[in-house]
């Protein structure tokens, strides 16, 4: 399945809503899914199957990269 830049940015924005985005459970789950994991949802299913069906590892890799880039920019702006 293909995905759009909009889908990537939509998920990035959700991750950035966390107080500490890089330490959030959401971000950790995305890292696992970027490596091919399906991530158990704790209720007998899988996050990837339920919320992101058909999306390739590259989608999650792109989300992670974008989140990290934005966090670096935030930190640089705070130092100024």
N, C-alpha and C. Protein backbone atom coordinates (compact mmCIF):
# COMPACT_ATOMS: atom_id res chain seq x y z
N UNK A 1 0.83 -1.19 0.00
CA UNK A 1 0.00 0.00 0.00
C UNK A 1 0.87 1.24 0.00
N UNK A 2 0.47 2.21 -0.75
CA UNK A 2 1.20 3.47 -0.74
C UNK A 2 0.60 4.39 0.32
N UNK A 3 1.32 5.42 0.64
CA UNK A 3 0.85 6.38 1.63
C UNK A 3 1.23 7.78 1.16
N UNK A 4 0.60 8.76 1.76
CA UNK A 4 0.84 10.15 1.37
C UNK A 4 1.66 10.88 2.42
N UNK A 5 2.23 11.97 2.02
CA UNK A 5 2.97 12.83 2.95
C UNK A 5 2.01 13.35 4.03
N UNK A 6 0.77 13.60 3.63
CA UNK A 6 -0.24 14.06 4.58
C UNK A 6 -0.43 13.05 5.71
N UNK A 7 -0.49 11.76 5.38
CA UNK A 7 -0.65 10.72 6.40
C UNK A 7 0.52 10.73 7.37
N UNK A 8 1.72 10.91 6.82
CA UNK A 8 2.92 10.96 7.66
C UNK A 8 2.84 12.14 8.61
N UNK A 9 2.53 13.32 8.07
CA UNK A 9 2.51 14.53 8.89
C UNK A 9 1.37 14.50 9.92
N UNK A 10 0.28 13.87 9.58
CA UNK A 10 -0.84 13.74 10.51
C UNK A 10 -0.41 12.94 11.74
N UNK A 11 0.29 11.85 11.53
CA UNK A 11 0.77 11.04 12.64
C UNK A 11 1.88 11.75 13.41
N UNK A 12 2.73 12.46 12.71
CA UNK A 12 3.79 13.25 13.37
C UNK A 12 3.16 14.23 14.35
N UNK A 13 2.13 14.93 13.92
CA UNK A 13 1.47 15.91 14.79
C UNK A 13 0.88 15.25 16.03
N UNK A 14 0.34 14.06 15.88
CA UNK A 14 -0.22 13.34 17.04
C UNK A 14 0.88 12.98 18.04
N UNK A 15 2.01 12.55 17.53
CA UNK A 15 3.13 12.20 18.41
C UNK A 15 3.64 13.44 19.14
N UNK A 16 3.71 14.55 18.44
CA UNK A 16 4.25 15.78 19.03
C UNK A 16 3.33 16.39 20.08
N UNK A 17 2.12 15.91 20.20
CA UNK A 17 1.20 16.38 21.25
C UNK A 17 1.61 15.89 22.63
N UNK A 18 2.40 14.82 22.68
CA UNK A 18 2.85 14.29 23.96
C UNK A 18 3.81 15.27 24.63
N UNK A 19 3.78 15.27 25.95
CA UNK A 19 4.68 16.16 26.70
C UNK A 19 6.15 15.88 26.38
N UNK A 20 6.47 14.60 26.30
CA UNK A 20 7.84 14.18 25.94
C UNK A 20 7.73 13.20 24.77
N UNK A 21 7.61 13.71 23.56
CA UNK A 21 7.32 12.86 22.39
C UNK A 21 8.27 11.68 22.20
N UNK A 22 9.56 11.90 22.35
CA UNK A 22 10.52 10.83 22.08
C UNK A 22 10.52 9.74 23.15
N UNK A 23 9.94 10.04 24.30
CA UNK A 23 9.87 9.06 25.39
C UNK A 23 8.47 8.45 25.51
N UNK A 24 7.58 8.83 24.63
CA UNK A 24 6.20 8.35 24.72
C UNK A 24 6.06 6.91 24.23
N UNK A 25 5.06 6.25 24.75
CA UNK A 25 4.76 4.90 24.31
C UNK A 25 4.40 4.86 22.84
N UNK A 26 3.74 5.90 22.37
CA UNK A 26 3.37 5.98 20.96
C UNK A 26 4.61 5.96 20.08
N UNK A 27 5.61 6.76 20.45
CA UNK A 27 6.84 6.82 19.65
C UNK A 27 7.56 5.47 19.68
N UNK A 28 7.59 4.84 20.85
CA UNK A 28 8.24 3.53 20.94
C UNK A 28 7.54 2.50 20.05
N UNK A 29 6.22 2.54 20.05
CA UNK A 29 5.46 1.62 19.19
C UNK A 29 5.79 1.87 17.72
N UNK A 30 5.90 3.12 17.34
CA UNK A 30 6.24 3.45 15.95
C UNK A 30 7.63 2.93 15.59
N UNK A 31 8.56 3.02 16.55
CA UNK A 31 9.89 2.49 16.29
C UNK A 31 9.84 0.98 16.06
N UNK A 32 9.06 0.29 16.85
CA UNK A 32 8.92 -1.16 16.66
C UNK A 32 8.28 -1.47 15.31
N UNK A 33 7.25 -0.71 14.96
CA UNK A 33 6.58 -0.96 13.68
C UNK A 33 7.48 -0.62 12.50
N UNK A 34 8.39 0.31 12.68
CA UNK A 34 9.34 0.65 11.63
C UNK A 34 10.29 -0.51 11.35
N UNK A 35 10.40 -1.41 12.32
CA UNK A 35 11.24 -2.59 12.17
C UNK A 35 10.44 -3.84 11.82
N UNK A 36 9.15 -3.64 11.50
CA UNK A 36 8.33 -4.76 11.06
C UNK A 36 7.43 -5.37 12.10
N UNK A 37 7.51 -4.90 13.34
CA UNK A 37 6.67 -5.45 14.42
C UNK A 37 5.22 -5.02 14.21
N UNK A 38 4.31 -5.81 14.75
CA UNK A 38 2.88 -5.48 14.65
C UNK A 38 2.38 -4.80 15.91
N UNK A 39 3.08 -4.89 17.01
CA UNK A 39 2.78 -4.27 18.31
C UNK A 39 1.46 -4.73 18.90
N UNK A 40 1.56 -5.54 19.90
CA UNK A 40 0.40 -6.04 20.64
C UNK A 40 -0.32 -4.85 21.27
N UNK A 41 -1.63 -4.80 21.12
CA UNK A 41 -2.40 -3.68 21.68
C UNK A 41 -2.89 -3.94 23.10
N UNK A 42 -2.56 -5.11 23.65
CA UNK A 42 -2.96 -5.44 25.01
C UNK A 42 -4.39 -5.94 25.13
N UNK A 43 -5.10 -6.03 24.01
CA UNK A 43 -6.49 -6.48 24.04
C UNK A 43 -6.72 -7.63 23.07
N UNK A 44 -5.65 -8.34 22.76
CA UNK A 44 -5.78 -9.49 21.88
C UNK A 44 -5.60 -9.19 20.40
N UNK A 45 -5.24 -7.98 20.08
CA UNK A 45 -5.02 -7.60 18.68
C UNK A 45 -3.67 -6.94 18.50
N UNK A 46 -3.50 -6.31 17.37
CA UNK A 46 -2.24 -5.66 17.06
C UNK A 46 -2.50 -4.24 16.55
N UNK A 47 -1.70 -3.29 17.06
CA UNK A 47 -1.86 -1.89 16.65
C UNK A 47 -1.73 -1.72 15.14
N UNK A 48 -0.72 -2.36 14.59
CA UNK A 48 -0.47 -2.19 13.15
C UNK A 48 -1.63 -2.71 12.32
N UNK A 49 -2.18 -3.83 12.70
CA UNK A 49 -3.29 -4.41 11.95
C UNK A 49 -4.57 -3.58 12.08
N UNK A 50 -4.78 -3.02 13.27
CA UNK A 50 -6.01 -2.28 13.54
C UNK A 50 -5.97 -0.86 12.99
N UNK A 51 -4.88 -0.13 13.25
CA UNK A 51 -4.84 1.29 12.92
C UNK A 51 -4.05 1.63 11.66
N UNK A 52 -3.15 0.77 11.26
CA UNK A 52 -2.28 1.07 10.11
C UNK A 52 -2.22 -0.09 9.13
N UNK A 53 -3.34 -0.68 8.76
CA UNK A 53 -3.30 -1.86 7.89
C UNK A 53 -2.68 -1.55 6.53
N UNK A 54 -1.76 -2.41 6.14
CA UNK A 54 -1.16 -2.29 4.82
C UNK A 54 -0.04 -1.28 4.68
N UNK A 55 0.23 -0.50 5.72
CA UNK A 55 1.30 0.49 5.60
C UNK A 55 2.67 -0.18 5.78
N UNK A 56 3.61 0.17 4.92
CA UNK A 56 4.93 -0.46 4.97
C UNK A 56 5.80 0.11 6.10
N UNK A 57 6.87 -0.60 6.40
CA UNK A 57 7.82 -0.13 7.41
C UNK A 57 8.32 1.27 7.08
N UNK A 58 8.47 1.58 5.81
CA UNK A 58 8.99 2.89 5.41
C UNK A 58 8.10 4.04 5.88
N UNK A 59 6.80 3.81 6.00
CA UNK A 59 5.89 4.83 6.52
C UNK A 59 6.30 5.21 7.94
N UNK A 60 6.50 4.21 8.78
CA UNK A 60 6.84 4.45 10.18
C UNK A 60 8.25 5.03 10.29
N UNK A 61 9.15 4.61 9.42
CA UNK A 61 10.50 5.16 9.42
C UNK A 61 10.46 6.66 9.08
N UNK A 62 9.60 7.02 8.15
CA UNK A 62 9.47 8.43 7.77
C UNK A 62 8.88 9.25 8.91
N UNK A 63 7.89 8.69 9.60
CA UNK A 63 7.29 9.39 10.75
C UNK A 63 8.35 9.62 11.82
N UNK A 64 9.11 8.59 12.14
CA UNK A 64 10.16 8.69 13.16
C UNK A 64 11.19 9.75 12.78
N UNK A 65 11.61 9.73 11.55
CA UNK A 65 12.59 10.70 11.07
C UNK A 65 12.07 12.13 11.20
N UNK A 66 10.83 12.34 10.81
CA UNK A 66 10.22 13.68 10.89
C UNK A 66 10.07 14.14 12.34
N UNK A 67 9.66 13.25 13.23
CA UNK A 67 9.52 13.61 14.64
C UNK A 67 10.87 14.00 15.21
N UNK A 68 11.89 13.22 14.93
CA UNK A 68 13.23 13.53 15.46
C UNK A 68 13.74 14.86 14.93
N UNK A 69 13.51 15.11 13.63
CA UNK A 69 13.95 16.37 13.04
C UNK A 69 13.26 17.55 13.71
N UNK A 70 11.97 17.45 13.91
CA UNK A 70 11.23 18.54 14.54
C UNK A 70 11.64 18.75 16.00
N UNK A 71 11.95 17.68 16.69
CA UNK A 71 12.40 17.81 18.07
C UNK A 71 13.77 18.48 18.13
N UNK A 72 14.64 18.16 17.19
CA UNK A 72 15.95 18.83 17.13
C UNK A 72 15.77 20.32 16.87
N UNK A 73 14.85 20.68 15.99
CA UNK A 73 14.58 22.09 15.71
C UNK A 73 14.04 22.80 16.95
N UNK A 74 13.15 22.15 17.66
CA UNK A 74 12.60 22.73 18.89
C UNK A 74 13.71 23.00 19.90
N UNK A 75 14.57 22.01 20.07
CA UNK A 75 15.66 22.16 21.04
C UNK A 75 16.61 23.27 20.64
N UNK A 76 16.90 23.39 19.36
CA UNK A 76 17.78 24.45 18.86
C UNK A 76 17.14 25.81 19.10
N UNK A 77 15.84 25.92 18.90
CA UNK A 77 15.15 27.19 19.11
C UNK A 77 15.11 27.55 20.58
N UNK A 78 15.00 26.56 21.45
CA UNK A 78 14.96 26.83 22.89
C UNK A 78 16.32 27.30 23.41
N UNK A 79 17.39 26.88 22.75
CA UNK A 79 18.74 27.27 23.18
C UNK A 79 19.05 28.71 22.82
N UNK A 80 18.32 29.26 21.87
CA UNK A 80 18.62 30.62 21.41
C UNK A 80 18.11 31.67 22.34
